[in-house]
């Protein structure tokens, strides 16, 4: 068994203390603020030790290899990017708080996601299409490590899939900017240069995300162990349950319960440190 810790740089004394706590036989520095301790003994003392130092920790089995990872599925809002794009759309109409309140309820799993999305999109009726470009250019901030994650996946021949309950205007923009392999998202209806407040086509919810991931796995002939899913909201849980390894990134408590690992401090590309 291996212990991966990341998020804060440690001095040799702190690393030695942790190594003694888990009876590690070796310490490998993965990159800045990321370390792997090998041959460890799992102990509950690691969790409070890491929490005190703002570190993420993960118990990683010896058989999990990066060379076998073939597909990474990612959520968009608050995962690949730092914003909730629909909240930014509401902000441009002066109704950010109204939209954000419904978004928060949906992400916590307190209300039905499909209905919450339709309700929020209806609030956006009248927003100019050019405002979406403004959000991309001015507000679509990538999560720290996002570009490195996609680049490392490309170098390793790992397919990247962006699955979002957000909108195709934004996923298409991100696909072009980052070179993502495939995307799935909701399509906004636009007439005369403005949003109508309605969606076109099937609604992309948690079940749709999981369904697309399963389709990709079938097409590529992949086992769950070859697939990683990363997300932060309740509608990401179904795809997390499909993937062999899942990571809750800056996630809500209800999502963390369903994930293999959680990253609260490390950057997004830290998900690849969870492989040997």
Protein backbone atom coordinates (compact mmCIF):
# COMPACT_ATOMS: atom_id res chain seq x y z
CA UNK A 1 0.00 0.00 0.00
CA UNK A 2 1.07 3.58 -0.71
CA UNK A 3 0.15 6.86 0.93
CA UNK A 4 -0.04 9.93 -1.32
CA UNK A 5 -0.11 13.33 0.37
CA UNK A 6 -0.27 16.63 -1.46
CA UNK A 7 -1.26 20.26 -1.16
CA UNK A 8 1.44 21.73 1.09
CA UNK A 9 5.22 21.45 0.93
CA UNK A 10 6.73 19.60 3.90
CA UNK A 11 10.17 19.86 5.43
CA UNK A 12 12.26 16.72 6.04
CA UNK A 13 11.33 16.57 9.73
CA UNK A 14 7.60 16.56 8.97
CA UNK A 15 8.06 13.92 6.29
CA UNK A 16 10.05 11.81 8.70
CA UNK A 17 7.33 12.13 11.33
CA UNK A 18 4.69 10.97 8.87
CA UNK A 19 6.88 8.13 7.60
CA UNK A 20 7.26 6.87 11.15
CA UNK A 21 3.51 7.15 11.75
CA UNK A 22 2.73 4.84 8.81
CA UNK A 23 5.93 2.74 8.95
CA UNK A 24 6.86 3.72 5.38
CA UNK A 25 9.88 2.16 3.75
CA UNK A 26 10.49 4.94 1.21
CA UNK A 27 9.46 8.52 0.37
CA UNK A 28 9.17 9.70 -3.24
CA UNK A 29 8.79 13.38 -4.08
CA UNK A 30 6.31 13.52 -6.97
CA UNK A 31 6.42 17.26 -7.63
CA UNK A 32 6.19 20.40 -5.52
CA UNK A 33 3.99 19.72 -2.48
CA UNK A 34 3.24 16.10 -3.44
CA UNK A 35 4.78 12.95 -1.97
CA UNK A 36 4.31 9.18 -2.10
CA UNK A 37 5.18 7.02 0.89
CA UNK A 38 5.53 3.36 -0.05
CA UNK A 39 5.04 0.14 1.88
CA UNK A 40 2.86 1.89 4.44
CA UNK A 41 0.55 0.66 7.18
CA UNK A 42 -2.90 2.25 7.07
CA UNK A 43 -3.63 4.12 10.28
CA UNK A 44 -6.43 6.50 11.31
CA UNK A 45 -3.83 8.92 12.68
CA UNK A 46 -3.03 10.10 9.16
CA UNK A 47 -6.31 11.97 8.70
CA UNK A 48 -5.92 14.41 11.63
CA UNK A 49 -2.19 14.75 10.91
CA UNK A 50 -2.94 15.87 7.35
CA UNK A 51 -5.93 18.02 8.30
CA UNK A 52 -3.75 20.01 10.69
CA UNK A 53 -1.35 20.76 7.84
CA UNK A 54 -3.93 21.32 5.10
CA UNK A 55 -2.89 18.24 3.18
CA UNK A 56 -4.92 15.84 1.06
CA UNK A 57 -4.15 12.18 1.64
CA UNK A 58 -5.02 9.01 -0.25
CA UNK A 59 -4.33 5.32 0.27
CA UNK A 60 -3.25 4.06 -3.15
CA UNK A 61 -2.95 0.33 -3.84
CA UNK A 62 0.19 -1.03 -5.49
CA UNK A 63 -1.71 -2.34 -8.51
CA UNK A 64 -3.09 1.05 -9.61
CA UNK A 65 -0.91 2.18 -12.50
CA UNK A 66 -1.01 5.39 -14.53
CA UNK A 67 0.05 3.40 -17.58
CA UNK A 68 -3.31 1.59 -17.44
CA UNK A 69 -5.45 4.73 -17.18
CA UNK A 70 -7.16 5.33 -20.52
CA UNK A 71 -10.03 7.76 -19.88
CA UNK A 72 -10.55 10.76 -17.59
CA UNK A 73 -14.07 12.20 -17.31
CA UNK A 74 -14.39 15.66 -15.75
CA UNK A 75 -17.17 17.98 -14.69
CA UNK A 76 -16.91 21.60 -15.84
CA UNK A 77 -18.28 24.11 -13.32
CA UNK A 78 -16.30 24.29 -10.06
CA UNK A 79 -14.11 21.43 -11.30
CA UNK A 80 -12.32 22.13 -14.58
CA UNK A 81 -13.14 25.82 -14.10
CA UNK A 82 -13.51 27.77 -10.88
CA UNK A 83 -16.88 29.34 -11.68
CA UNK A 84 -20.48 28.19 -11.93
CA UNK A 85 -21.16 29.49 -15.44
CA UNK A 86 -24.90 29.73 -14.98
CA UNK A 87 -24.37 31.98 -11.96
CA UNK A 88 -22.21 34.26 -14.10
CA UNK A 89 -24.99 34.40 -16.69
CA UNK A 90 -27.39 35.41 -13.95
CA UNK A 91 -24.96 38.06 -12.79
CA UNK A 92 -25.06 39.73 -16.20
CA UNK A 93 -28.83 40.00 -15.81
CA UNK A 94 -28.61 41.24 -12.24
CA UNK A 95 -30.16 38.07 -10.78
CA UNK A 96 -27.04 36.21 -9.69
CA UNK A 97 -28.29 35.50 -6.17
CA UNK A 98 -31.57 34.04 -7.42
CA UNK A 99 -29.79 31.72 -9.83
CA UNK A 100 -27.01 30.81 -7.39
CA UNK A 101 -29.48 29.83 -4.68
CA UNK A 102 -31.07 27.24 -6.97
CA UNK A 103 -27.64 26.07 -8.16
CA UNK A 104 -26.49 25.48 -4.59
CA UNK A 105 -29.59 23.49 -3.74
CA UNK A 106 -29.11 21.28 -6.79
CA UNK A 107 -25.43 20.67 -6.15
CA UNK A 108 -26.20 19.65 -2.55
CA UNK A 109 -28.79 17.23 -3.86
CA UNK A 110 -31.63 18.96 -2.06
CA UNK A 111 -33.84 19.41 -5.14
CA UNK A 112 -34.27 17.55 -8.41
CA UNK A 113 -31.49 18.58 -10.77
CA UNK A 114 -33.54 18.52 -13.96
CA UNK A 115 -36.23 20.78 -12.57
CA UNK A 116 -33.70 23.11 -11.00
CA UNK A 117 -31.90 23.49 -14.32
CA UNK A 118 -35.08 24.30 -16.22
CA UNK A 119 -35.99 26.82 -13.54
CA UNK A 120 -32.62 28.54 -13.76
CA UNK A 121 -32.54 28.59 -17.55
CA UNK A 122 -36.00 30.17 -17.57
CA UNK A 123 -34.61 32.99 -15.44
CA UNK A 124 -32.01 33.69 -18.13
CA UNK A 125 -34.48 34.47 -20.90
CA UNK A 126 -33.42 37.62 -22.75
CA UNK A 127 -29.68 37.35 -22.12
CA UNK A 128 -27.75 38.33 -25.23
CA UNK A 129 -25.74 35.59 -26.94
CA UNK A 130 -22.67 37.83 -27.05
CA UNK A 131 -22.72 37.84 -23.25
CA UNK A 132 -21.71 34.18 -23.34
CA UNK A 133 -18.53 35.10 -25.19
CA UNK A 134 -17.86 37.75 -22.55
CA UNK A 135 -18.08 35.08 -19.84
CA UNK A 136 -15.62 32.87 -21.72
CA UNK A 137 -13.10 35.63 -22.26
CA UNK A 138 -13.40 37.44 -18.93
CA UNK A 139 -14.73 35.04 -16.31
CA UNK A 140 -13.99 31.45 -17.37
CA UNK A 141 -11.02 30.89 -15.07
CA UNK A 142 -9.45 27.44 -15.21
CA UNK A 143 -8.90 25.64 -11.93
CA UNK A 144 -5.23 25.57 -10.90
CA UNK A 145 -3.60 22.58 -12.56
CA UNK A 146 -6.35 22.13 -15.18
CA UNK A 147 -4.13 22.85 -18.17
CA UNK A 148 -1.38 20.58 -16.81
CA UNK A 149 -3.88 17.78 -16.24
CA UNK A 150 -5.16 17.87 -19.83
CA UNK A 151 -1.64 18.21 -21.23
CA UNK A 152 -0.35 15.26 -19.20
CA UNK A 153 -3.30 13.16 -20.31
CA UNK A 154 -2.59 14.01 -23.93
CA UNK A 155 1.08 13.08 -23.53
CA UNK A 156 0.15 9.76 -21.95
CA UNK A 157 -2.51 8.93 -24.56
CA UNK A 158 -5.35 9.23 -22.03
CA UNK A 159 -8.68 10.32 -23.54
CA UNK A 160 -10.33 13.35 -21.91
CA UNK A 161 -14.11 13.74 -21.65
CA UNK A 162 -15.82 16.89 -20.37
CA UNK A 163 -19.35 16.07 -19.16
CA UNK A 164 -21.34 19.00 -17.85
CA UNK A 165 -24.81 19.95 -16.77
CA UNK A 166 -23.81 23.37 -18.06
CA UNK A 167 -24.02 24.60 -21.62
CA UNK A 168 -22.52 23.70 -24.99
CA UNK A 169 -21.32 27.25 -25.69
CA UNK A 170 -18.89 26.95 -22.78
CA UNK A 171 -17.85 23.32 -23.23
CA UNK A 172 -17.09 23.96 -26.91
CA UNK A 173 -14.94 26.95 -25.96
CA UNK A 174 -13.03 24.89 -23.40
CA UNK A 175 -12.62 22.00 -25.81
CA UNK A 176 -10.99 24.28 -28.35
CA UNK A 177 -8.79 26.02 -25.79
CA UNK A 178 -7.54 22.90 -24.02
CA UNK A 179 -7.73 20.28 -26.76
CA UNK A 180 -10.23 18.05 -24.97
CA UNK A 181 -11.22 14.92 -26.86
CA UNK A 182 -14.99 15.02 -26.31
CA UNK A 183 -17.73 16.94 -24.51
CA UNK A 184 -21.34 16.54 -23.44
CA UNK A 185 -23.53 19.39 -22.19
CA UNK A 186 -26.92 21.08 -22.48
CA UNK A 187 -27.83 23.11 -25.56
CA UNK A 188 -29.34 26.56 -25.05
CA UNK A 189 -32.11 27.72 -27.37
CA UNK A 190 -31.19 31.09 -28.91
CA UNK A 191 -33.46 33.22 -31.09
CA UNK A 192 -32.71 36.65 -32.52
CA UNK A 193 -29.41 36.75 -30.63
CA UNK A 194 -30.95 36.16 -27.20
CA UNK A 195 -31.60 33.20 -24.92
CA UNK A 196 -35.23 32.09 -24.94
CA UNK A 197 -35.10 30.55 -21.49
CA UNK A 198 -35.43 27.03 -22.89
CA UNK A 199 -33.13 24.09 -23.68
CA UNK A 200 -32.89 22.07 -26.88
CA UNK A 201 -32.59 18.30 -26.95
CA UNK A 202 -32.20 15.85 -24.07
CA UNK A 203 -31.32 17.30 -20.69
CA UNK A 204 -27.84 16.45 -19.41
CA UNK A 205 -28.18 15.41 -15.77
CA UNK A 206 -26.35 12.93 -13.59
CA UNK A 207 -27.80 9.93 -15.41
CA UNK A 208 -26.82 11.36 -18.78
CA UNK A 209 -23.26 11.97 -17.58
CA UNK A 210 -22.98 8.38 -16.39
CA UNK A 211 -24.56 7.10 -19.60
CA UNK A 212 -22.06 8.96 -21.76
CA UNK A 213 -19.17 7.64 -19.69
CA UNK A 214 -20.47 4.09 -20.02
CA UNK A 215 -20.79 4.56 -23.79
CA UNK A 216 -17.21 5.76 -24.02
CA UNK A 217 -16.01 2.81 -21.98
CA UNK A 218 -17.89 0.35 -24.19
CA UNK A 219 -16.62 1.94 -27.40
CA UNK A 220 -13.03 1.83 -26.15
CA UNK A 221 -13.35 -1.59 -24.53
CA UNK A 222 -12.33 -0.27 -21.11
CA UNK A 223 -12.68 -1.81 -17.69
CA UNK A 224 -13.73 0.44 -14.78
CA UNK A 225 -10.18 0.28 -13.42
CA UNK A 226 -9.00 2.14 -16.53
CA UNK A 227 -11.35 5.07 -15.94
CA UNK A 228 -11.16 8.10 -13.63
CA UNK A 229 -14.05 10.49 -12.93
CA UNK A 230 -13.64 13.91 -11.29
CA UNK A 231 -16.42 16.17 -10.06
CA UNK A 232 -17.81 18.27 -7.27
CA UNK A 233 -21.62 18.13 -7.35
CA UNK A 234 -24.43 15.69 -6.69
CA UNK A 235 -25.01 15.22 -10.43
CA UNK A 236 -21.45 13.88 -10.71
CA UNK A 237 -22.08 10.97 -8.34
CA UNK A 238 -23.59 8.62 -10.98
CA UNK A 239 -20.51 8.87 -13.23
CA UNK A 240 -18.25 8.50 -10.19
CA UNK A 241 -19.97 5.20 -9.47
CA UNK A 242 -19.30 4.03 -13.03
CA UNK A 243 -15.58 4.83 -12.93
CA UNK A 244 -13.11 2.58 -11.18
CA UNK A 245 -11.52 5.57 -9.41
CA UNK A 246 -13.30 8.81 -8.56
CA UNK A 247 -12.12 12.09 -7.07
CA UNK A 248 -14.27 14.66 -5.30
CA UNK A 249 -12.60 17.97 -6.13
CA UNK A 250 -13.38 20.82 -3.70
CA UNK A 251 -16.63 18.94 -3.30
CA UNK A 252 -19.73 19.04 -1.18
CA UNK A 253 -19.95 16.54 1.73
CA UNK A 254 -22.60 14.42 0.01
CA UNK A 255 -20.29 13.96 -2.98
CA UNK A 256 -17.21 13.11 -0.92
CA UNK A 257 -19.06 10.15 0.58
CA UNK A 258 -19.31 8.53 -2.85
CA UNK A 259 -15.77 9.25 -4.08
CA UNK A 260 -12.66 7.09 -3.85
CA UNK A 261 -10.57 10.15 -2.93
CA UNK A 262 -11.02 13.84 -2.21
CA UNK A 263 -8.84 16.80 -3.12
CA UNK A 264 -9.45 19.91 -1.05
CA UNK A 265 -5.96 21.43 -1.18
CA UNK A 266 -4.00 19.99 -4.12
CA UNK A 267 -4.40 21.35 -7.64
CA UNK A 268 -6.51 19.56 -10.23
CA UNK A 269 -3.58 17.76 -11.87
CA UNK A 270 -3.02 16.15 -8.48
CA UNK A 271 -5.53 13.50 -9.51
CA UNK A 272 -2.80 11.84 -11.57
CA UNK A 273 -0.60 11.56 -8.48
CA UNK A 274 -3.13 9.00 -7.25
CA UNK A 275 -1.63 6.55 -9.74
CA UNK A 276 1.76 4.87 -9.56
